N, C-alpha and C. Protein backbone atom coordinates (compact mmCIF):
# COMPACT_ATOMS: atom_id res chain seq x y z
N UNK A 1 0.83 -1.16 0.00
CA UNK A 1 0.00 0.00 0.00
C UNK A 1 0.89 1.25 0.00
N UNK A 2 0.58 2.19 -0.86
CA UNK A 2 1.34 3.44 -0.92
C UNK A 2 0.88 4.37 0.19
N UNK A 3 1.82 5.20 0.66
CA UNK A 3 1.49 6.13 1.74
C UNK A 3 1.92 7.54 1.35
N UNK A 4 1.29 8.52 1.98
CA UNK A 4 1.61 9.92 1.77
C UNK A 4 1.97 10.54 3.11
N UNK A 5 2.97 11.41 3.10
CA UNK A 5 3.39 12.08 4.34
C UNK A 5 2.39 13.17 4.68
N UNK A 6 1.84 13.17 5.88
CA UNK A 6 0.93 14.22 6.34
C UNK A 6 1.77 15.47 6.61
N UNK A 7 1.49 16.60 5.95
CA UNK A 7 2.31 17.79 6.12
C UNK A 7 2.18 18.43 7.50
N UNK A 8 1.14 18.08 8.25
CA UNK A 8 0.90 18.74 9.52
C UNK A 8 1.48 17.96 10.70
N UNK A 9 1.28 16.66 10.70
CA UNK A 9 1.70 15.87 11.84
C UNK A 9 2.90 14.97 11.56
N UNK A 10 3.53 15.10 10.42
CA UNK A 10 4.70 14.31 10.05
C UNK A 10 4.46 12.82 10.26
N UNK A 11 3.34 12.34 9.81
CA UNK A 11 3.05 10.92 9.91
C UNK A 11 2.64 10.38 8.55
N UNK A 12 2.81 9.09 8.38
CA UNK A 12 2.43 8.44 7.13
C UNK A 12 0.93 8.14 7.14
N UNK A 13 0.28 8.41 6.02
CA UNK A 13 -1.16 8.17 5.88
C UNK A 13 -1.37 7.34 4.63
N UNK A 14 -2.16 6.24 4.71
CA UNK A 14 -2.46 5.48 3.49
C UNK A 14 -3.11 6.39 2.45
N UNK A 15 -2.77 6.23 1.17
CA UNK A 15 -3.27 7.11 0.12
C UNK A 15 -4.78 7.21 0.08
N UNK A 16 -5.51 6.14 0.38
CA UNK A 16 -6.96 6.23 0.31
C UNK A 16 -7.53 7.15 1.40
N UNK A 17 -6.73 7.55 2.39
CA UNK A 17 -7.19 8.44 3.44
C UNK A 17 -6.70 9.87 3.29
N UNK A 18 -5.97 10.19 2.23
CA UNK A 18 -5.39 11.51 2.08
C UNK A 18 -6.45 12.59 2.09
N UNK A 19 -7.59 12.35 1.45
CA UNK A 19 -8.64 13.37 1.41
C UNK A 19 -9.15 13.71 2.81
N UNK A 20 -9.03 12.78 3.75
CA UNK A 20 -9.50 13.03 5.12
C UNK A 20 -8.54 13.91 5.91
N UNK A 21 -7.38 14.29 5.36
CA UNK A 21 -6.43 15.09 6.11
C UNK A 21 -6.96 16.47 6.46
N UNK A 22 -8.08 16.90 5.86
CA UNK A 22 -8.67 18.18 6.25
C UNK A 22 -9.14 18.17 7.69
N UNK A 23 -9.37 16.99 8.26
CA UNK A 23 -9.80 16.91 9.65
C UNK A 23 -8.70 17.41 10.59
N UNK A 24 -7.43 17.21 10.25
CA UNK A 24 -6.34 17.63 11.11
C UNK A 24 -6.29 19.16 11.24
N UNK A 25 -6.25 19.91 10.13
CA UNK A 25 -6.21 21.36 10.29
C UNK A 25 -7.47 21.92 10.94
N UNK A 26 -8.63 21.36 10.66
CA UNK A 26 -9.86 21.83 11.29
C UNK A 26 -9.77 21.68 12.80
N UNK A 27 -9.27 20.56 13.26
CA UNK A 27 -9.18 20.30 14.69
C UNK A 27 -8.19 21.23 15.38
N UNK A 28 -7.20 21.71 14.65
CA UNK A 28 -6.19 22.59 15.24
C UNK A 28 -6.48 24.06 14.98
N UNK A 29 -7.61 24.37 14.33
CA UNK A 29 -7.99 25.76 14.11
C UNK A 29 -7.44 26.37 12.84
N UNK A 30 -6.81 25.59 11.99
CA UNK A 30 -6.30 26.10 10.71
C UNK A 30 -7.48 26.32 9.76
N UNK A 31 -7.54 27.47 9.12
CA UNK A 31 -8.62 27.78 8.19
C UNK A 31 -8.57 26.84 6.99
N UNK A 32 -9.63 26.07 6.78
CA UNK A 32 -9.69 25.07 5.72
C UNK A 32 -10.87 25.38 4.81
N UNK A 33 -10.66 25.34 3.48
CA UNK A 33 -11.71 25.68 2.53
C UNK A 33 -11.87 24.61 1.46
N UNK A 34 -13.03 24.64 0.80
CA UNK A 34 -13.27 23.82 -0.39
C UNK A 34 -13.57 24.79 -1.51
N UNK A 35 -12.86 24.66 -2.61
CA UNK A 35 -13.10 25.54 -3.76
C UNK A 35 -12.59 24.86 -5.02
N UNK A 36 -12.81 25.52 -6.14
CA UNK A 36 -12.34 24.96 -7.40
C UNK A 36 -12.02 26.08 -8.37
N UNK A 37 -10.94 25.91 -9.10
CA UNK A 37 -10.64 26.82 -10.19
C UNK A 37 -10.70 26.07 -11.52
N UNK A 38 -11.18 24.83 -11.45
CA UNK A 38 -11.26 23.99 -12.64
C UNK A 38 -12.60 23.26 -12.61
N UNK A 39 -13.53 23.72 -13.42
CA UNK A 39 -14.88 23.17 -13.38
C UNK A 39 -14.94 21.76 -13.98
N UNK A 40 -14.01 21.38 -14.80
CA UNK A 40 -14.04 20.05 -15.41
C UNK A 40 -13.09 19.09 -14.69
N UNK A 41 -13.23 19.00 -13.36
CA UNK A 41 -12.40 18.06 -12.62
C UNK A 41 -13.27 17.02 -11.91
N UNK A 42 -12.65 16.14 -11.17
CA UNK A 42 -13.39 15.03 -10.55
C UNK A 42 -14.42 15.48 -9.52
N UNK A 43 -14.24 16.65 -8.91
CA UNK A 43 -15.18 17.10 -7.90
C UNK A 43 -16.35 17.88 -8.50
N UNK A 44 -16.32 18.16 -9.77
CA UNK A 44 -17.44 18.86 -10.41
C UNK A 44 -17.91 18.05 -11.62
N UNK A 45 -18.40 16.84 -11.38
CA UNK A 45 -18.76 15.98 -12.50
C UNK A 45 -19.95 16.48 -13.31
N UNK A 46 -20.73 17.41 -12.76
CA UNK A 46 -21.89 17.91 -13.48
C UNK A 46 -21.61 19.25 -14.14
N UNK A 47 -20.39 19.75 -14.05
CA UNK A 47 -19.95 20.99 -14.69
C UNK A 47 -20.81 22.18 -14.31
N UNK A 48 -21.36 22.20 -13.09
CA UNK A 48 -22.21 23.32 -12.71
C UNK A 48 -21.55 24.27 -11.72
N UNK A 49 -20.32 24.03 -11.34
CA UNK A 49 -19.55 24.89 -10.43
C UNK A 49 -20.24 25.07 -9.08
N UNK A 50 -21.03 24.10 -8.66
CA UNK A 50 -21.76 24.21 -7.41
C UNK A 50 -20.88 23.85 -6.22
N UNK A 51 -20.59 24.84 -5.38
CA UNK A 51 -19.82 24.58 -4.18
C UNK A 51 -20.61 23.70 -3.21
N UNK A 52 -21.93 23.83 -3.21
CA UNK A 52 -22.77 22.97 -2.39
C UNK A 52 -22.57 21.51 -2.80
N UNK A 53 -22.54 21.25 -4.10
CA UNK A 53 -22.35 19.88 -4.59
C UNK A 53 -20.95 19.36 -4.21
N UNK A 54 -19.93 20.22 -4.30
CA UNK A 54 -18.58 19.80 -3.91
C UNK A 54 -18.50 19.51 -2.42
N UNK A 55 -19.17 20.33 -1.62
CA UNK A 55 -19.19 20.11 -0.17
C UNK A 55 -19.93 18.83 0.16
N UNK A 56 -21.04 18.56 -0.53
CA UNK A 56 -21.79 17.33 -0.33
C UNK A 56 -20.92 16.12 -0.68
N UNK A 57 -20.19 16.22 -1.78
CA UNK A 57 -19.33 15.11 -2.20
C UNK A 57 -18.22 14.90 -1.17
N UNK A 58 -17.64 15.98 -0.67
CA UNK A 58 -16.60 15.88 0.35
C UNK A 58 -17.14 15.19 1.60
N UNK A 59 -18.33 15.61 2.05
CA UNK A 59 -18.94 15.01 3.24
C UNK A 59 -19.20 13.53 3.04
N UNK A 60 -19.63 13.15 1.84
CA UNK A 60 -19.88 11.73 1.56
C UNK A 60 -18.58 10.93 1.50
N UNK A 61 -17.58 11.45 0.81
CA UNK A 61 -16.30 10.73 0.68
C UNK A 61 -15.64 10.53 2.04
N UNK A 62 -15.71 11.56 2.87
CA UNK A 62 -15.06 11.48 4.19
C UNK A 62 -15.98 10.90 5.25
N UNK A 63 -17.18 10.48 4.85
CA UNK A 63 -18.15 9.82 5.72
C UNK A 63 -18.51 10.66 6.95
N UNK A 64 -18.80 11.95 6.70
CA UNK A 64 -19.24 12.83 7.78
C UNK A 64 -20.76 12.76 7.85
N UNK A 65 -21.31 12.65 9.05
CA UNK A 65 -22.76 12.51 9.18
C UNK A 65 -23.37 13.39 10.28
N UNK A 66 -22.60 13.72 11.29
CA UNK A 66 -23.14 14.51 12.40
C UNK A 66 -23.42 15.94 11.93
N UNK A 67 -24.44 16.56 12.51
CA UNK A 67 -24.80 17.92 12.14
C UNK A 67 -23.62 18.88 12.31
N UNK A 68 -22.85 18.72 13.38
CA UNK A 68 -21.71 19.60 13.63
C UNK A 68 -20.67 19.46 12.52
N UNK A 69 -20.46 18.24 12.05
CA UNK A 69 -19.49 18.00 10.98
C UNK A 69 -19.97 18.62 9.67
N UNK A 70 -21.26 18.47 9.37
CA UNK A 70 -21.82 19.04 8.14
C UNK A 70 -21.76 20.57 8.20
N UNK A 71 -21.99 21.14 9.38
CA UNK A 71 -21.88 22.60 9.54
C UNK A 71 -20.46 23.06 9.27
N UNK A 72 -19.46 22.30 9.73
CA UNK A 72 -18.06 22.64 9.44
C UNK A 72 -17.79 22.59 7.94
N UNK A 73 -18.35 21.61 7.25
CA UNK A 73 -18.18 21.51 5.80
C UNK A 73 -18.82 22.72 5.13
N UNK A 74 -20.00 23.13 5.57
CA UNK A 74 -20.64 24.33 5.01
C UNK A 74 -19.75 25.55 5.22
N UNK A 75 -19.16 25.68 6.40
CA UNK A 75 -18.25 26.80 6.66
C UNK A 75 -17.05 26.78 5.72
N UNK A 76 -16.64 25.58 5.28
CA UNK A 76 -15.49 25.47 4.37
C UNK A 76 -15.78 26.10 3.01
N UNK A 77 -17.05 26.24 2.63
CA UNK A 77 -17.37 26.89 1.35
C UNK A 77 -17.93 28.29 1.56
N UNK A 78 -18.08 28.70 2.81
CA UNK A 78 -18.66 30.01 3.11
C UNK A 78 -17.76 30.86 3.97
N UNK A 79 -17.95 30.74 5.27
CA UNK A 79 -17.26 31.58 6.25
C UNK A 79 -15.74 31.46 6.14
N UNK A 80 -15.23 30.24 6.04
CA UNK A 80 -13.77 30.04 5.97
C UNK A 80 -13.18 30.64 4.70
N UNK A 81 -13.91 30.52 3.61
CA UNK A 81 -13.44 31.10 2.35
C UNK A 81 -13.42 32.62 2.44
N UNK A 82 -14.45 33.19 3.05
CA UNK A 82 -14.49 34.65 3.24
C UNK A 82 -13.30 35.12 4.07
N UNK A 83 -12.97 34.37 5.13
CA UNK A 83 -11.81 34.72 5.95
C UNK A 83 -10.52 34.67 5.12
N UNK A 84 -10.40 33.62 4.30
CA UNK A 84 -9.21 33.47 3.45
C UNK A 84 -9.03 34.67 2.52
N UNK A 85 -10.15 35.20 2.03
CA UNK A 85 -10.12 36.33 1.11
C UNK A 85 -10.23 37.68 1.82
N UNK A 86 -10.15 37.67 3.14
CA UNK A 86 -10.27 38.88 3.97
C UNK A 86 -11.56 39.64 3.69
N UNK A 87 -12.65 38.89 3.60
CA UNK A 87 -13.99 39.47 3.39
C UNK A 87 -14.79 39.32 4.67
N UNK A 88 -15.87 40.10 4.76
CA UNK A 88 -16.73 39.97 5.93
C UNK A 88 -17.37 38.58 5.95
N UNK A 89 -17.57 38.06 7.15
CA UNK A 89 -18.11 36.71 7.28
C UNK A 89 -19.55 36.70 7.77
N UNK A 90 -20.09 37.85 8.12
CA UNK A 90 -21.46 37.93 8.60
C UNK A 90 -22.18 39.09 7.91
N UNK A 91 -23.49 38.98 7.84
CA UNK A 91 -24.30 40.07 7.30
C UNK A 91 -24.47 41.11 8.39
N UNK A 92 -24.14 42.37 8.08
CA UNK A 92 -24.25 43.45 9.05
C UNK A 92 -25.06 44.60 8.44
N UNK A 93 -25.82 45.28 9.27
CA UNK A 93 -26.61 46.43 8.83
C UNK A 93 -25.66 47.50 8.29
N UNK A 94 -25.95 47.99 7.09
CA UNK A 94 -25.16 49.03 6.47
C UNK A 94 -23.97 48.54 5.66
N UNK A 95 -23.65 47.26 5.75
CA UNK A 95 -22.51 46.70 5.00
C UNK A 95 -22.96 46.28 3.61
N UNK A 96 -22.04 46.26 2.66
CA UNK A 96 -22.33 45.78 1.31
C UNK A 96 -22.46 44.26 1.37
N UNK A 97 -23.65 43.77 1.11
CA UNK A 97 -23.89 42.33 1.22
C UNK A 97 -23.45 41.59 -0.04
N UNK A 98 -22.65 40.56 0.13
CA UNK A 98 -22.29 39.63 -0.94
C UNK A 98 -22.67 38.25 -0.41
N UNK A 99 -23.72 37.66 -1.00
CA UNK A 99 -24.23 36.40 -0.48
C UNK A 99 -25.03 35.65 -1.53
N UNK A 100 -25.26 34.38 -1.25
CA UNK A 100 -26.09 33.52 -2.09
C UNK A 100 -27.21 32.99 -1.21
N UNK A 101 -28.45 33.07 -1.71
CA UNK A 101 -29.61 32.56 -1.00
C UNK A 101 -29.87 31.14 -1.48
N UNK A 102 -29.93 30.20 -0.53
CA UNK A 102 -30.11 28.79 -0.87
C UNK A 102 -31.52 28.32 -0.52
N UNK A 103 -32.02 27.35 -1.25
CA UNK A 103 -33.32 26.76 -0.99
C UNK A 103 -33.17 25.67 0.06
N UNK A 104 -32.97 26.10 1.32
CA UNK A 104 -32.78 25.16 2.44
C UNK A 104 -33.07 25.89 3.74
N UNK A 105 -33.48 25.14 4.75
CA UNK A 105 -33.81 25.76 6.04
C UNK A 105 -32.57 26.11 6.86
N UNK A 106 -31.45 25.41 6.63
CA UNK A 106 -30.22 25.70 7.34
C UNK A 106 -29.03 25.11 6.58
N UNK A 107 -27.83 25.34 7.12
CA UNK A 107 -26.61 24.89 6.45
C UNK A 107 -26.55 23.38 6.30
N UNK A 108 -27.00 22.67 7.32
CA UNK A 108 -26.97 21.20 7.28
C UNK A 108 -27.87 20.68 6.16
N UNK A 109 -29.07 21.22 6.08
CA UNK A 109 -30.01 20.80 5.02
C UNK A 109 -29.47 21.17 3.65
N UNK A 110 -28.80 22.31 3.54
CA UNK A 110 -28.24 22.73 2.25
C UNK A 110 -27.24 21.72 1.72
N UNK A 111 -26.34 21.26 2.58
CA UNK A 111 -25.32 20.28 2.16
C UNK A 111 -25.95 18.92 1.90
N UNK A 112 -26.80 18.47 2.79
CA UNK A 112 -27.37 17.13 2.66
C UNK A 112 -28.27 16.98 1.45
N UNK A 113 -28.92 18.05 1.02
CA UNK A 113 -29.87 17.95 -0.09
C UNK A 113 -29.35 18.55 -1.39
N UNK A 114 -28.09 19.00 -1.42
CA UNK A 114 -27.56 19.69 -2.61
C UNK A 114 -28.51 20.81 -3.02
N UNK A 115 -28.82 21.69 -2.09
CA UNK A 115 -29.84 22.71 -2.33
C UNK A 115 -29.48 23.64 -3.48
N UNK A 116 -30.51 24.15 -4.10
CA UNK A 116 -30.39 25.02 -5.27
C UNK A 116 -30.15 26.46 -4.82
N UNK A 117 -29.25 27.16 -5.48
CA UNK A 117 -29.08 28.60 -5.25
C UNK A 117 -30.24 29.31 -5.94
N UNK A 118 -31.00 30.11 -5.19
CA UNK A 118 -32.16 30.78 -5.79
C UNK A 118 -31.94 32.27 -6.02
N UNK A 119 -30.90 32.85 -5.42
CA UNK A 119 -30.58 34.26 -5.68
C UNK A 119 -29.15 34.53 -5.23
N UNK A 120 -28.54 35.52 -5.85
CA UNK A 120 -27.19 35.92 -5.47
C UNK A 120 -27.06 37.42 -5.47
N UNK A 121 -26.25 37.94 -4.54
CA UNK A 121 -26.03 39.37 -4.41
C UNK A 121 -24.54 39.64 -4.33
N UNK A 122 -24.08 40.65 -5.05
CA UNK A 122 -22.67 41.06 -5.02
C UNK A 122 -22.64 42.53 -4.64
N UNK A 123 -22.02 42.84 -3.52
CA UNK A 123 -21.95 44.21 -3.01
C UNK A 123 -23.33 44.87 -2.95
N UNK A 124 -24.32 44.11 -2.51
CA UNK A 124 -25.66 44.65 -2.32
C UNK A 124 -26.55 44.67 -3.55
N UNK A 125 -26.04 44.29 -4.69
CA UNK A 125 -26.84 44.28 -5.92
C UNK A 125 -27.11 42.85 -6.35
N UNK A 126 -28.37 42.56 -6.68
CA UNK A 126 -28.72 41.21 -7.08
C UNK A 126 -28.11 40.90 -8.44
N UNK A 127 -27.42 39.76 -8.52
CA UNK A 127 -26.73 39.38 -9.76
C UNK A 127 -27.42 38.23 -10.49
N UNK A 128 -28.20 37.42 -9.77
CA UNK A 128 -28.96 36.37 -10.45
C UNK A 128 -30.18 35.98 -9.63
N UNK A 129 -31.14 35.39 -10.33
CA UNK A 129 -32.35 34.88 -9.70
C UNK A 129 -32.67 33.55 -10.38
N UNK A 130 -32.91 32.54 -9.59
CA UNK A 130 -33.20 31.21 -10.10
C UNK A 130 -34.40 30.69 -9.31
N UNK A 131 -35.56 30.86 -9.85
CA UNK A 131 -36.78 30.52 -9.11
C UNK A 131 -36.79 29.03 -8.73
N UNK A 132 -37.37 28.79 -7.57
CA UNK A 132 -37.51 27.41 -7.09
C UNK A 132 -38.41 26.63 -8.04
N UNK A 133 -38.11 25.36 -8.18
CA UNK A 133 -38.90 24.49 -9.06
C UNK A 133 -40.32 24.35 -8.53
N UNK A 134 -41.29 24.28 -9.43
CA UNK A 134 -42.68 24.07 -9.06
C UNK A 134 -43.21 22.88 -9.84
N UNK A 135 -44.02 22.08 -9.19
CA UNK A 135 -44.68 20.96 -9.87
C UNK A 135 -46.04 21.45 -10.33
N UNK A 136 -46.31 21.33 -11.61
CA UNK A 136 -47.57 21.82 -12.17
C UNK A 136 -48.43 20.63 -12.61
N UNK A 137 -49.69 20.66 -12.22
CA UNK A 137 -50.62 19.63 -12.61
C UNK A 137 -51.64 20.22 -13.58
N UNK A 138 -52.12 19.42 -14.50
CA UNK A 138 -53.10 19.92 -15.45
C UNK A 138 -54.46 19.98 -14.84
């Protein structure tokens, strides 16, 4: 079995567990994010650039199931990324809002259901609108 050196704890890790190494920096407080600059890679098989879908895939691959773990994964595509880019991490009165509205009741539901983005705002201006799906009967 091939092994990879863990850059944080100087220990050998079997290659099939390398993706789980994000647990080490999270546990020690290191800012960890999920993102992509290549839409045609293994983590974006549907070519839709959905960070929710990438976070869902990460949670499934690493076998995360507890609500607290899923919330940490959601932060990896939201709050942690904002920190990395030195952006505000919370909505504040009077601040320029940059956010995406998801069709979910909370962060855990958003990741577990691959929720749809229904609106987006950049510096307080709406940039897209994607109405929620409706079932129509004749």
